[in-house]
Every structure is written in C-alpha cells, then in structure tokens.
Amino acid sequence: MELSFGVIVTFVGVLLLAGVLSNKLSSKFNMPILLLFLAVGMTVGAHGLGIVHLEPEKHAGPINSLGTVAMCFILFAGGLGTSFRSIRPVIRSGVTLATAGVILTAIFLGICGYLICLAFNHNTGFAWWMLMASIISSTDAAAMFAILRGNGVNLSGDLQPLLELESGSNDPMAALLTLVMLQIVTASSGFSFWQIPLLFYKIIVGAVLGFFMGVAGKKLFGQRFEYEGLYYVLGVALVLICFGFAELCHTNGFLAVYVCGVTMGNLKYNFRGGLAKFNEGIAWLMQVILFTSLGVLVNPRELIELPVLIPGILLSLCMMFIARPGAVFLSLIPSKFTFKEKVLISWAGLRGAAPIVLATFPLVARVENSKLMFNMVFFMVIGSVLAQGITLMPLARKLGLARAFRSKSRVPVEVETMDGVNYDLHEFEVGSGSLLVGMTLAEAKLPPGALVTMIRRGKGFIPACGSTVIEEGDDLVVMGAPEKLYELSEKYFPDSGYAEKHQLPGFLKKEIFKRN
C-alpha cells in the first residue's frame, strides 16, 4: 500500500499525540503505556494491516541503528535525572546489581534456557542461550517508574533510589555482555580468556570517557550563546560525540553516555534544568519511535506458535522466579535490605526497550536462529511487563513497602545555576493536615534561606508576601539551598519525598534535627 508523504507525517503526529494523551492510562492498567506502541507497530506492520512493510531479515540493520541512537538519548536522560545525593546511600548495592546482578541473571537464565532446549530438542547450543539470556538480562527504568508515578506511589526506605540506580545503569552492562557473547557465538574459536581483560577495559575506559565528557559538557554549557535554543542543540551534539568517540576507542558507548549524563546531572551550569526537561522529552520521543518500529518487525502470529510460545512461557517463569531473584539475593547478601525488600526488588525487574533493541544485534550478525531469538525476547518482554507490571503495586502494598508520593516539580520558572551557586527551586503541596493551613507566611517562620517565591492556587499563581494566608491545597514554590529545603520538608512536608530524594551529609542532618 503506497502512502503519500502527507499521510505518513500525519500518522506520525497522531501517534505522538496518542502517546501524550494516553500516558495516564498506565495508572489504570498498571503497565507502561509504551506497550501500546508495540501493539500499534504490530497492527500497522506487514503482518497486520500492511501499512508499513519491515522484515527482520531485511531491515534489522536500520532498526538496529535507530535503536542504538535512541538508547543513547534514553540513557543520557536517565543519567541526567540521577541525583548523586539520593543514590549515595545505596551506590554499592546498586552498582553490584547493575554489574554482578546482570551477569548472574544471564548465567541462571542461560542455564535454564539450555535445559529447556534439551527438553524440546532445540538445535541450539549453550552459547546461543547465553547470548539470549544476556540480551534479556537488564531491567527498564522507564517501565517501572511509569507505573509508580501513574499510581502516585513511592517505595519506602532506600528501595526507590536503589531501583533507580540499578535500572538506569544496567543497560550498558547488558549491552556489553551481549556484544561479548555475540562475538563468542559468531567466532569459530569460541571463548578466549583474553576477552576478560577486554571486558574490564571497555567498562573502565568507557566510564572514564563518560566522566570527562560530562565535565567537558559542563564547561561548554558555561559559554554564553546569543540564542538560548543553541544550548539544547549543544546537548544533542554532546550525546552523539560521547557515544561516537567511545565507540572509536573500542569501549562501551552506552556506558559512556550514561556516565556523562550522571556527571552533568550533578554539576551546576547554565540551563541545567532546561536541558534535563528537554532530554526527558527527547527520551520519550525516542521510546515512542523505537517501540513502534520494533513492533513493526514482529509477526504476531509467530509469537503464539509452539516453538516460541512454550519455551517463551517457561523462560519467562524462569526469569521472574529463578534468575532475577537468584541474582538479587546473591548480589545483596552484604546489604542492609530485608527479605521483604529483596522480594520486591526481585519482582520490580521489568524488561523494556533495551532487550528488544539488543535482540536486533544477532539479526544484523546473521546468527543462526536469530529470528527465533528475537521473537522469544519480544515475547518475554511483553510477558514481563504484563505479569510484573500488573502485580507490582499490589505486591508493594501487600509487603507494606508502598507509600503516597506527592512531591511536585511543576515549577513554572527556570533558575540558571552556575559554579558557586547552590540553590534549588521546589514545589511543596500543603495537605489537609499541614500545620501551615491558616497561617500567614510571616507566622509560618520558615527556615531562614528558604524563600517562598510564589504560591500556586487553583489554576493560577499568586504573589507571596508576609500577609498571604496559606490555604489547604496551595503549592508553595520555594527557592533555597538543598539543606534549607531539606529542613523545610522535614518540618512541614514529611510526605513530600524531598528528603528521600535529596540525601544530605550526616553532619548537616544532625544540625537540622537539633534546630527542630
């Protein structure tokens, strides 16, 4: 079916608009709405309505390139949103899960897959199953946190920052493991112990390159440009250069991009907040395009055929009940997390875009039975999101690890940050039981240095002055140093989530507690 350029452009626009308007559906169905775009891709593909014709064997290369670029922006946006203050208490456990946890998941799942292969007489070797297990070994931050935000829920204790760090940083490790296993599968000589130091080289040098690119990015953003839009063009250029240069150095480009994002997300420079919001939008755009394109590649009928359906169901069960829990419990042996928390961490390992993108690498390399591998990975991702996505919130509530999350960052103005200036702008909601209800701002006696710049009331804003009476439902837009906002949240907004998200050094906490 030939489509005019106008029809194609209109279709893409409608698809993006549907993504924006349907985002709220994830809270109702407890699953990432990006599954909708997988379904749209399958519907309009060659095996659906036949509007778009893409075949895995013919078009895996372009889709792989698209997926690689998309993953770069998704990882960079995830890094920008990672606050070092919040992840500092769990950085050891999070890094362990993102590295050793990925490897253990792949090993356990690879063994399970090989045993299933023997049971069903599949003509595939152990290395083939380890490649597939490596592809599916990482979790997806966007999938899980879309469910949490949609339900207005946060996880208690250090669970939220741990899962944020793990799911945001384990994609590069899964990509690296996939490429190593792909080399083993396609090489006639098999495994070589020289690949072990090469693996460490890719990790260490990739992380170092990402860090220095982040520092360089901060310097570049310190320049003054006549047009503000050029800052966002600079951000796009930085992502592409970081990944490309890392690949030229034969390191892990995905890891470099993520570390670059984390570095820039924790430094001060011009338009830092704007860059984060811009890249969040770019990441969403990339995910919509990526999921739709990947959905077009799939033949829905092949997903329910016995060679995919039965092993796919068994592998999904092994992944959810054996591989992921085994990796989590072994990786967190020296940690402070309780049994209940480890159970929830195990179940929160939803799969997302990264495994499907990685599954295109064997297609490009023309690995034997690569289409079967792609279909099985696709099947397992859908199974993970459906089964774990729907039951994640009921399980969190059953374990007593969910709590209301009402933190707001809908601040309508941007504050430029720079070296030597350490101020944040945050919005706090005045709840029904708040001590501030009925007080004037002067009577409230907020911590010195925490300035209420404006008040959101209803659909608009009112100026903040000493005689302004605070009402229930007001949102106070407060500017101040992080320790001042921390003190404010501890005293008046304990349920805001600010304190958990912006961890402070111990001596500052003690000083604040003394004053309160």
Protein backbone atom coordinates (compact mmCIF):
# COMPACT_ATOMS: atom_id res chain seq x y z
CA MET A 1 0.00 0.00 0.00
CA GLU A 2 1.58 3.28 -1.14
CA LEU A 3 1.21 6.15 1.29
CA SER A 4 1.70 9.81 0.46
CA PHE A 5 4.18 11.88 2.42
CA GLY A 6 1.33 13.86 3.97
CA VAL A 7 -0.35 10.69 5.23
CA ILE A 8 2.91 9.45 6.78
CA VAL A 9 3.59 12.77 8.53
CA THR A 10 0.02 12.91 9.81
CA PHE A 11 0.24 9.32 11.06
CA VAL A 12 3.46 10.07 12.98
CA GLY A 13 1.91 13.17 14.51
CA VAL A 14 -1.22 11.29 15.58
CA LEU A 15 0.96 8.56 17.07
CA LEU A 16 2.93 11.05 19.16
CA LEU A 17 -0.25 12.84 20.24
CA ALA A 18 -1.72 9.50 21.29
CA GLY A 19 1.38 8.88 23.38
CA VAL A 20 0.94 12.16 25.23
CA LEU A 21 -2.81 11.77 25.79
CA SER A 22 -2.73 8.09 26.70
CA ASN A 23 0.08 8.33 29.24
CA LYS A 24 -2.45 8.45 32.08
CA LEU A 25 -3.78 5.02 31.08
CA SER A 26 -0.70 3.41 32.63
CA SER A 27 -2.03 4.21 36.10
CA LYS A 28 -5.32 2.48 35.33
CA PHE A 29 -3.85 -0.70 33.87
CA ASN A 30 -0.60 -0.79 35.90
CA MET A 31 1.62 -1.16 32.85
CA PRO A 32 3.80 1.14 30.77
CA ILE A 33 1.80 2.76 28.02
CA LEU A 34 4.69 2.10 25.64
CA LEU A 35 3.19 -1.36 25.20
CA LEU A 36 0.50 0.46 23.24
CA PHE A 37 3.10 1.47 20.67
CA LEU A 38 4.34 -2.10 20.35
CA ALA A 39 0.75 -3.06 19.59
CA VAL A 40 0.40 -0.18 17.11
CA GLY A 41 3.61 -1.28 15.39
CA MET A 42 2.38 -4.86 15.10
CA THR A 43 -1.00 -3.63 13.82
CA VAL A 44 0.36 -1.43 11.03
CA GLY A 45 3.14 -3.88 10.10
CA ALA A 46 3.33 -6.25 7.18
CA HIS A 47 1.54 -8.96 9.16
CA GLY A 48 -1.22 -6.63 10.37
CA LEU A 49 -2.85 -4.01 8.18
CA GLY A 50 0.16 -3.99 5.88
CA ILE A 51 0.61 -0.21 6.00
CA VAL A 52 4.34 -0.47 6.81
CA HIS A 53 6.46 -3.32 5.45
CA LEU A 54 9.51 -4.21 7.54
CA GLU A 55 11.04 -7.67 7.83
CA PRO A 56 13.60 -8.70 10.48
CA GLU A 57 15.98 -10.27 7.96
CA LYS A 58 15.94 -7.27 5.59
CA HIS A 59 15.53 -4.26 7.85
CA ALA A 60 17.27 -5.29 11.07
CA GLY A 61 20.28 -3.08 10.23
CA PRO A 62 18.42 0.26 10.00
CA ILE A 63 16.25 -0.58 13.02
CA ASN A 64 19.38 -1.54 14.95
CA SER A 65 20.98 1.81 14.09
CA LEU A 66 17.81 3.64 15.09
CA GLY A 67 17.64 1.67 18.32
CA THR A 68 21.27 2.41 19.14
CA VAL A 69 20.80 6.17 18.73
CA ALA A 70 17.53 6.04 20.68
CA MET A 71 19.17 4.13 23.54
CA CYS A 72 21.89 6.79 23.73
CA PHE A 73 19.35 9.55 24.38
CA ILE A 74 17.30 7.38 26.74
CA LEU A 75 20.38 6.54 28.81
CA PHE A 76 21.63 10.13 28.80
CA ALA A 77 18.24 11.37 30.03
CA GLY A 78 18.25 8.70 32.73
CA GLY A 79 21.71 9.79 33.84
CA LEU A 80 20.69 13.45 33.98
CA GLY A 81 17.82 12.53 36.31
CA THR A 82 20.02 10.56 38.70
CA SER A 83 20.79 12.59 41.82
CA PHE A 84 24.03 11.57 43.50
CA ARG A 85 22.60 12.72 46.82
CA SER A 86 19.75 10.21 46.58
CA ILE A 87 21.80 7.24 45.35
CA ARG A 88 24.80 7.75 47.64
CA PRO A 89 23.45 5.51 50.47
CA VAL A 90 22.82 2.65 48.01
CA ILE A 91 25.57 3.16 45.46
CA ARG A 92 27.44 -0.03 46.41
CA SER A 93 24.32 -2.21 46.24
CA GLY A 94 23.08 -0.51 43.08
CA VAL A 95 26.37 -0.91 41.21
CA THR A 96 26.58 -4.54 42.34
CA LEU A 97 23.09 -5.23 40.96
CA ALA A 98 23.88 -3.40 37.73
CA THR A 99 27.05 -5.45 37.12
CA ALA A 100 27.21 -8.73 39.02
CA GLY A 101 23.41 -8.91 39.08
CA VAL A 102 23.23 -8.69 35.29
CA ILE A 103 25.89 -11.38 34.87
CA LEU A 104 24.22 -13.70 37.39
CA THR A 105 20.83 -13.19 35.76
CA ALA A 106 22.29 -14.09 32.38
CA ILE A 107 24.05 -17.19 33.76
CA PHE A 108 20.96 -18.50 35.57
CA LEU A 109 18.66 -17.81 32.64
CA GLY A 110 21.15 -19.23 30.16
CA ILE A 111 21.31 -22.49 32.11
CA CYS A 112 17.51 -22.65 32.32
CA GLY A 113 17.23 -21.99 28.59
CA TYR A 114 19.72 -24.72 27.73
CA LEU A 115 17.83 -27.24 29.88
CA ILE A 116 14.61 -26.26 28.13
CA CYS A 117 16.44 -26.66 24.83
CA LEU A 118 17.40 -30.22 25.76
CA ALA A 119 13.83 -30.98 26.80
CA PHE A 120 12.37 -29.75 23.50
CA ASN A 121 15.23 -30.96 21.27
CA HIS A 122 16.06 -27.46 20.01
CA ASN A 123 19.12 -27.45 17.80
CA THR A 124 20.86 -24.64 19.72
CA GLY A 125 23.95 -24.76 21.91
CA PHE A 126 24.69 -23.32 25.34
CA ALA A 127 26.42 -20.24 23.89
CA TRP A 128 23.27 -19.41 21.90
CA TRP A 129 21.16 -19.47 25.07
CA MET A 130 23.75 -17.40 26.96
CA LEU A 131 23.53 -14.80 24.19
CA MET A 132 19.76 -14.66 24.50
CA ALA A 133 20.00 -14.51 28.30
CA SER A 134 22.48 -11.64 28.07
CA ILE A 135 20.08 -9.73 25.83
CA ILE A 136 17.21 -10.02 28.31
CA SER A 137 19.32 -9.52 31.47
CA SER A 138 18.72 -5.79 32.07
CA THR A 139 15.73 -4.07 33.65
CA ASP A 140 13.92 -0.97 32.43
CA ALA A 141 13.67 2.20 34.49
CA ALA A 142 11.01 3.84 32.31
CA ALA A 143 8.72 0.81 32.56
CA MET A 144 8.82 0.58 36.34
CA PHE A 145 8.69 4.25 37.27
CA ALA A 146 5.86 4.91 34.83
CA ILE A 147 3.79 2.52 36.95
CA LEU A 148 4.89 4.11 40.23
CA ARG A 149 4.26 7.69 39.09
CA GLY A 150 0.96 6.72 37.49
CA ASN A 151 -0.25 5.29 40.80
CA GLY A 152 1.05 8.26 42.82
CA VAL A 153 3.18 5.85 44.82
CA ASN A 154 6.73 5.84 46.06
CA LEU A 155 8.66 2.93 47.56
CA SER A 156 9.75 3.16 51.16
CA GLY A 157 13.27 3.42 52.51
CA ASP A 158 16.13 3.13 50.04
CA LEU A 159 14.22 0.98 47.56
CA GLN A 160 13.41 3.87 45.22
CA PRO A 161 17.00 5.14 44.74
CA LEU A 162 18.32 1.57 44.54
CA LEU A 163 15.97 0.58 41.73
CA GLU A 164 16.54 3.94 40.04
CA LEU A 165 20.30 3.40 40.05
CA GLU A 166 20.15 -0.26 39.04
CA SER A 167 17.63 0.06 36.22
CA GLY A 168 19.29 3.19 34.89
CA SER A 169 22.81 1.76 34.82
CA ASN A 170 22.42 -1.93 33.94
CA ASP A 171 21.59 -1.42 30.24
CA PRO A 172 25.24 -0.66 29.36
CA MET A 173 26.36 -3.82 31.17
CA ALA A 174 23.76 -5.92 29.34
CA ALA A 175 24.84 -4.38 26.02
CA LEU A 176 28.48 -5.14 26.74
CA LEU A 177 27.68 -8.71 27.78
CA THR A 178 25.57 -9.14 24.65
CA LEU A 179 28.38 -7.99 22.36
CA VAL A 180 30.88 -10.29 24.10
CA MET A 181 28.55 -13.30 23.77
CA LEU A 182 27.78 -12.33 20.16
CA GLN A 183 31.48 -12.43 19.42
CA ILE A 184 31.76 -15.85 21.06
CA VAL A 185 28.77 -17.24 19.13
CA THR A 186 29.98 -15.94 15.76
CA ALA A 187 33.67 -16.79 16.28
CA SER A 188 34.77 -20.28 15.28
CA SER A 189 37.42 -20.33 18.01
CA GLY A 190 34.85 -19.85 20.79
CA PHE A 191 35.70 -18.30 24.16
CA SER A 192 39.11 -16.78 24.81
CA PHE A 193 40.36 -15.71 28.23
CA TRP A 194 41.76 -12.59 26.57
CA GLN A 195 38.16 -11.38 26.36
CA ILE A 196 38.04 -10.95 30.16
CA PRO A 197 40.60 -8.09 30.36
CA LEU A 198 38.96 -6.63 27.23
CA LEU A 199 35.66 -6.59 29.12
CA PHE A 200 37.24 -4.66 32.01
CA TYR A 201 38.88 -2.27 29.53
CA LYS A 202 35.52 -1.48 27.95
CA ILE A 203 33.89 -0.86 31.34
CA ILE A 204 36.64 1.20 32.98
CA VAL A 205 37.69 3.27 29.97
CA GLY A 206 34.06 3.79 28.90
CA ALA A 207 33.16 5.14 32.35
CA VAL A 208 36.23 7.39 32.45
CA LEU A 209 35.49 8.78 28.99
CA GLY A 210 31.88 9.44 30.00
CA PHE A 211 33.01 11.30 33.12
CA PHE A 212 35.41 13.57 31.24
CA MET A 213 32.81 14.19 28.52
CA GLY A 214 30.39 15.25 31.27
CA VAL A 215 32.96 17.67 32.71
CA ALA A 216 33.66 19.00 29.21
CA GLY A 217 29.91 19.39 28.66
CA LYS A 218 29.65 21.45 31.82
CA LYS A 219 32.42 23.74 30.52
CA LEU A 220 30.67 24.09 27.17
CA PHE A 221 27.39 24.99 28.84
CA GLY A 222 29.28 27.67 30.76
CA GLN A 223 29.64 29.59 27.49
CA ARG A 224 27.18 32.35 26.70
CA PHE A 225 25.23 31.89 23.47
CA GLU A 226 23.14 34.59 21.83
CA TYR A 227 20.26 32.15 21.24
CA GLU A 228 19.08 30.01 24.15
CA GLY A 229 17.95 27.21 21.84
CA LEU A 230 21.60 26.53 20.99
CA TYR A 231 22.08 25.07 24.47
CA TYR A 232 19.74 22.22 23.56
CA VAL A 233 21.47 21.69 20.23
CA LEU A 234 24.69 21.51 22.23
CA GLY A 235 23.14 18.80 24.42
CA VAL A 236 22.24 16.68 21.39
CA ALA A 237 25.74 17.12 19.95
CA LEU A 238 27.28 16.09 23.27
CA VAL A 239 25.36 12.79 23.35
CA LEU A 240 26.34 11.89 19.79
CA ILE A 241 30.00 12.84 20.25
CA CYS A 242 30.25 10.97 23.55
CA PHE A 243 28.87 7.73 22.11
CA GLY A 244 30.76 8.01 18.83
CA PHE A 245 34.12 8.79 20.44
CA ALA A 246 33.70 5.93 22.94
CA GLU A 247 32.95 3.52 20.09
CA LEU A 248 36.01 4.77 18.19
CA CYS A 249 38.07 3.93 21.28
CA HIS A 250 36.50 0.43 21.30
CA THR A 251 34.87 0.97 24.69
CA ASN A 252 31.25 0.77 25.83
CA GLY A 253 29.50 3.74 24.24
CA PHE A 254 26.26 3.15 26.16
CA LEU A 255 28.10 3.26 29.49
CA ALA A 256 29.99 6.40 28.43
CA VAL A 257 26.73 8.19 27.57
CA TYR A 258 25.09 7.18 30.85
CA VAL A 259 28.08 8.27 32.96
CA CYS A 260 28.23 11.53 31.01
CA GLY A 261 24.57 12.12 31.90
CA VAL A 262 25.11 11.31 35.58
CA THR A 263 28.12 13.64 35.71
CA MET A 264 26.26 16.53 34.10
CA GLY A 265 23.17 15.86 36.20
CA ASN A 266 25.14 16.54 39.38
CA LEU A 267 27.07 19.64 38.27
CA LYS A 268 25.98 23.27 38.09
CA TYR A 269 25.83 25.08 34.75
CA ASN A 270 23.58 27.26 32.61
CA PHE A 271 20.19 25.80 31.64
CA ARG A 272 20.74 22.62 33.63
CA GLY A 273 17.02 22.27 34.43
CA GLY A 274 16.01 23.06 30.87
CA LEU A 275 18.45 20.52 29.49
CA ALA A 276 17.03 17.81 31.77
CA LYS A 277 13.45 18.54 30.67
CA PHE A 278 14.44 18.75 27.01
CA ASN A 279 16.20 15.39 27.15
CA GLU A 280 13.28 13.84 29.03
CA GLY A 281 11.10 14.84 26.10
CA ILE A 282 13.65 13.54 23.59
CA ALA A 283 13.83 10.24 25.50
CA TRP A 284 10.04 9.88 25.32
CA LEU A 285 10.09 10.66 21.61
CA MET A 286 12.80 8.06 21.06
CA GLN A 287 10.90 5.44 23.04
CA VAL A 288 7.68 6.01 21.07
CA ILE A 289 9.51 5.77 17.72
CA LEU A 290 11.57 2.82 18.93
CA PHE A 291 8.70 0.73 20.32
CA THR A 292 6.58 1.35 17.24
CA SER A 293 9.42 0.42 14.87
CA LEU A 294 10.23 -2.72 16.83
CA GLY A 295 6.56 -3.68 16.84
CA VAL A 296 6.51 -3.43 13.04
CA LEU A 297 9.30 -6.02 12.84
CA VAL A 298 7.25 -8.66 14.66
CA ASN A 299 4.82 -11.12 13.16
CA PRO A 300 2.17 -11.51 15.91
CA ARG A 301 1.28 -15.00 14.64
CA GLU A 302 4.84 -16.21 15.23
CA LEU A 303 4.64 -15.23 18.91
CA ILE A 304 1.89 -17.77 19.54
CA GLU A 305 3.46 -20.62 17.58
CA LEU A 306 4.71 -23.54 19.67
CA PRO A 307 8.48 -23.01 19.04
CA VAL A 308 8.13 -19.54 20.65
CA LEU A 309 5.10 -19.85 22.91
CA ILE A 310 6.03 -22.82 25.12
CA PRO A 311 9.76 -22.03 25.59
CA GLY A 312 8.83 -18.33 25.95
CA ILE A 313 6.40 -19.04 28.79
CA LEU A 314 8.87 -21.35 30.54
CA LEU A 315 11.73 -18.89 30.14
CA SER A 316 9.58 -16.02 31.42
CA LEU A 317 8.76 -18.03 34.52
CA CYS A 318 12.43 -18.91 34.99
CA MET A 319 13.41 -15.27 34.60
CA MET A 320 10.82 -13.99 37.09
CA PHE A 321 11.08 -16.75 39.71
CA ILE A 322 14.63 -18.13 39.40
CA ALA A 323 17.13 -15.96 37.51
CA ARG A 324 16.15 -12.49 38.74
CA PRO A 325 15.51 -13.46 42.41
CA GLY A 326 18.68 -15.57 42.50
CA ALA A 327 20.77 -12.70 41.16
CA VAL A 328 19.18 -10.19 43.56
CA PHE A 329 19.54 -12.28 46.70
CA LEU A 330 23.15 -13.22 45.91
CA SER A 331 24.14 -9.67 44.96
CA LEU A 332 22.55 -8.15 48.09
CA ILE A 333 23.95 -10.62 50.64
CA PRO A 334 26.16 -7.97 52.31
CA SER A 335 23.48 -5.26 52.13
CA LYS A 336 21.08 -3.94 54.76
CA PHE A 337 17.94 -4.76 52.76
CA THR A 338 15.38 -7.04 54.42
CA PHE A 339 13.88 -10.22 52.97
CA LYS A 340 10.67 -8.39 52.01
CA GLU A 341 12.63 -5.64 50.28
CA LYS A 342 14.68 -8.18 48.32
CA VAL A 343 11.46 -9.87 47.23
CA LEU A 344 10.11 -6.58 45.88
CA ILE A 345 13.44 -5.75 44.21
CA SER A 346 13.30 -9.14 42.51
CA TRP A 347 9.77 -8.58 41.24
CA ALA A 348 10.48 -5.00 40.14
CA GLY A 349 12.82 -6.20 37.39
CA LEU A 350 10.56 -5.28 34.47
CA ARG A 351 12.00 -5.59 30.98
CA GLY A 352 11.62 -2.86 28.38
CA ALA A 353 13.10 -1.36 25.23
CA ALA A 354 16.77 -2.29 25.75
CA PRO A 355 16.37 -6.09 25.37
CA ILE A 356 14.37 -5.72 22.15
CA VAL A 357 16.98 -3.35 20.74
CA LEU A 358 19.79 -5.73 21.74
CA ALA A 359 17.90 -8.59 20.09
CA THR A 360 18.44 -6.90 16.73
CA PHE A 361 22.23 -7.35 17.03
CA PRO A 362 22.07 -11.12 16.34
CA LEU A 363 19.78 -10.37 13.39
CA VAL A 364 22.36 -7.99 11.93
CA ALA A 365 25.16 -10.52 12.57
CA ARG A 366 23.01 -13.25 10.96
CA VAL A 367 23.35 -15.60 13.92
CA GLU A 368 21.71 -18.97 13.33
CA ASN A 369 18.06 -18.94 14.50
CA SER A 370 18.36 -15.20 15.25
CA LYS A 371 14.73 -14.59 14.26
CA LEU A 372 13.62 -17.18 16.81
CA MET A 373 15.77 -15.40 19.41
CA PHE A 374 14.23 -12.03 18.52
CA ASN A 375 10.70 -13.42 18.83
CA MET A 376 11.44 -15.07 22.16
CA VAL A 377 12.96 -11.90 23.60
CA PHE A 378 9.96 -9.92 22.34
CA PHE A 379 7.60 -12.45 23.93
CA MET A 380 9.46 -12.33 27.26
CA VAL A 381 9.45 -8.53 27.39
CA ILE A 382 5.69 -8.44 26.85
CA GLY A 383 5.21 -11.21 29.42
CA SER A 384 7.36 -9.41 31.98
CA VAL A 385 5.56 -6.09 31.58
CA LEU A 386 2.12 -7.70 31.73
CA ALA A 387 2.73 -10.08 34.63
CA GLN A 388 5.05 -7.97 36.77
CA GLY A 389 3.58 -4.61 35.78
CA ILE A 390 0.05 -5.53 36.79
CA THR A 391 1.08 -7.13 40.09
CA LEU A 392 3.91 -4.79 41.16
CA MET A 393 1.77 -2.29 43.07
CA PRO A 394 -0.44 -4.91 44.82
CA LEU A 395 2.75 -6.71 45.92
CA ALA A 396 4.35 -3.48 47.19
CA ARG A 397 1.24 -2.70 49.22
CA LYS A 398 0.99 -6.29 50.50
CA LEU A 399 4.60 -6.12 51.71
CA GLY A 400 3.99 -2.71 53.30
CA LEU A 401 6.64 -1.05 51.13
CA ALA A 402 4.47 1.47 49.25
CA ARG A 403 3.57 4.95 50.40
CA ALA A 404 1.92 8.01 48.93
CA PHE A 405 4.17 10.23 46.89
CA ARG A 406 3.09 13.81 46.43
CA SER A 407 6.32 15.56 45.52
CA LYS A 408 5.82 18.14 42.79
CA SER A 409 8.35 19.73 40.49
CA ARG A 410 5.94 21.66 38.27
CA VAL A 411 7.76 24.91 38.87
CA PRO A 412 6.81 27.35 36.07
CA VAL A 413 10.14 29.19 36.03
CA GLU A 414 13.75 28.19 35.42
CA VAL A 415 16.66 29.25 37.60
CA GLU A 416 20.07 29.34 35.99
CA THR A 417 22.66 27.60 38.14
CA MET A 418 26.39 28.11 37.98
CA ASP A 419 29.60 27.46 39.88
CA GLY A 420 29.47 28.73 43.45
CA VAL A 421 25.66 28.95 43.49
CA ASN A 422 23.85 26.03 45.10
CA TYR A 423 20.14 26.79 45.02
CA ASP A 424 17.16 24.64 44.09
CA LEU A 425 13.58 25.56 43.24
CA HIS A 426 10.98 23.10 44.51
CA GLU A 427 7.22 22.98 44.85
CA PHE A 428 5.64 21.67 48.08
CA GLU A 429 1.94 20.83 48.44
CA VAL A 430 0.11 21.97 51.58
CA GLY A 431 -2.03 18.98 52.60
CA SER A 432 -5.18 18.87 54.70
CA GLY A 433 -3.32 18.06 57.91
CA SER A 434 -0.50 20.53 57.42
CA LEU A 435 0.43 22.86 60.29
CA LEU A 436 0.71 25.70 57.76
CA VAL A 437 -3.01 25.80 56.90
CA GLY A 438 -4.48 29.12 58.11
CA MET A 439 -1.10 30.71 58.84
CA THR A 440 0.35 33.69 57.07
CA LEU A 441 3.81 33.32 55.57
CA ALA A 442 5.15 35.61 58.29
CA GLU A 443 3.62 33.43 61.04
CA ALA A 444 4.93 30.23 59.47
CA LYS A 445 8.53 31.15 60.29
CA LEU A 446 10.06 29.05 57.55
CA PRO A 447 13.78 28.23 57.83
CA PRO A 448 15.94 31.28 57.07
CA GLY A 449 17.19 30.97 53.50
CA ALA A 450 14.06 29.16 52.26
CA LEU A 451 12.22 31.80 50.24
CA VAL A 452 8.63 31.30 49.03
CA THR A 453 8.73 32.93 45.60
CA MET A 454 5.10 32.32 44.59
CA ILE A 455 2.07 30.22 45.50
CA ARG A 456 0.12 28.02 43.11
CA ARG A 457 -3.57 28.29 44.00
CA GLY A 458 -6.15 26.62 41.80
CA LYS A 459 -5.14 27.03 38.17
CA GLY A 460 -3.03 30.15 38.66
CA PHE A 461 -0.36 31.77 40.80
CA ILE A 462 -0.45 34.49 43.41
CA PRO A 463 2.50 36.55 44.72
CA ALA A 464 3.93 35.54 48.05
CA CYS A 465 4.19 38.14 50.82
CA GLY A 466 4.22 38.06 54.60
CA SER A 467 0.47 38.68 54.93
CA THR A 468 -0.52 35.93 52.46
CA VAL A 469 -2.66 33.30 54.23
CA ILE A 470 -1.72 29.72 53.36
CA GLU A 471 -4.70 27.57 52.35
CA GLU A 472 -5.19 23.84 52.04
CA GLY A 473 -4.21 22.66 48.56
CA ASP A 474 -1.76 25.50 47.98
CA ASP A 475 1.57 24.68 46.37
CA LEU A 476 4.46 26.71 47.73
CA VAL A 477 7.22 27.36 45.21
CA VAL A 478 10.31 27.61 47.42
CA MET A 479 13.86 28.56 46.49
CA GLY A 480 16.82 27.82 48.73
CA ALA A 481 19.92 25.77 49.33
CA PRO A 482 19.29 21.98 49.41
CA GLU A 483 19.87 21.82 53.17
CA LYS A 484 17.28 24.56 53.74
CA LEU A 485 14.70 22.79 51.57
CA TYR A 486 15.55 19.54 53.36
CA GLU A 487 14.90 21.22 56.73
CA LEU A 488 11.64 22.67 55.42
CA SER A 489 10.46 19.29 54.14
CA GLU A 490 11.33 17.52 57.40
CA LYS A 491 9.43 20.07 59.48
CA TYR A 492 6.35 20.82 57.38
CA PHE A 493 6.27 18.38 54.42
CA PRO A 494 7.45 14.94 55.66
CA ASP A 495 5.41 13.16 52.96
CA SER A 496 6.73 15.24 50.08
CA GLY A 497 9.53 12.82 49.23
CA TYR A 498 12.09 15.65 49.06
CA ALA A 499 14.15 14.35 51.98
CA GLU A 500 14.46 10.87 50.46
CA LYS A 501 15.36 12.22 47.04
CA HIS A 502 17.93 14.75 48.28
CA GLN A 503 20.10 12.98 50.82
CA LEU A 504 22.38 15.23 52.88
CA PRO A 505 25.66 14.52 54.68
CA GLY A 506 25.22 13.19 58.21
CA PHE A 507 26.57 16.27 59.99
CA LEU A 508 24.03 18.51 58.23
CA LYS A 509 21.18 16.18 59.19
CA LYS A 510 22.27 16.26 62.86
CA GLU A 511 22.41 20.05 62.80
CA ILE A 512 18.91 20.24 61.31
CA PHE A 513 17.49 17.79 63.84
CA LYS A 514 18.99 19.87 66.69
CA ARG A 515 17.28 23.02 65.42
CA ASN A 516 13.95 21.21 65.10
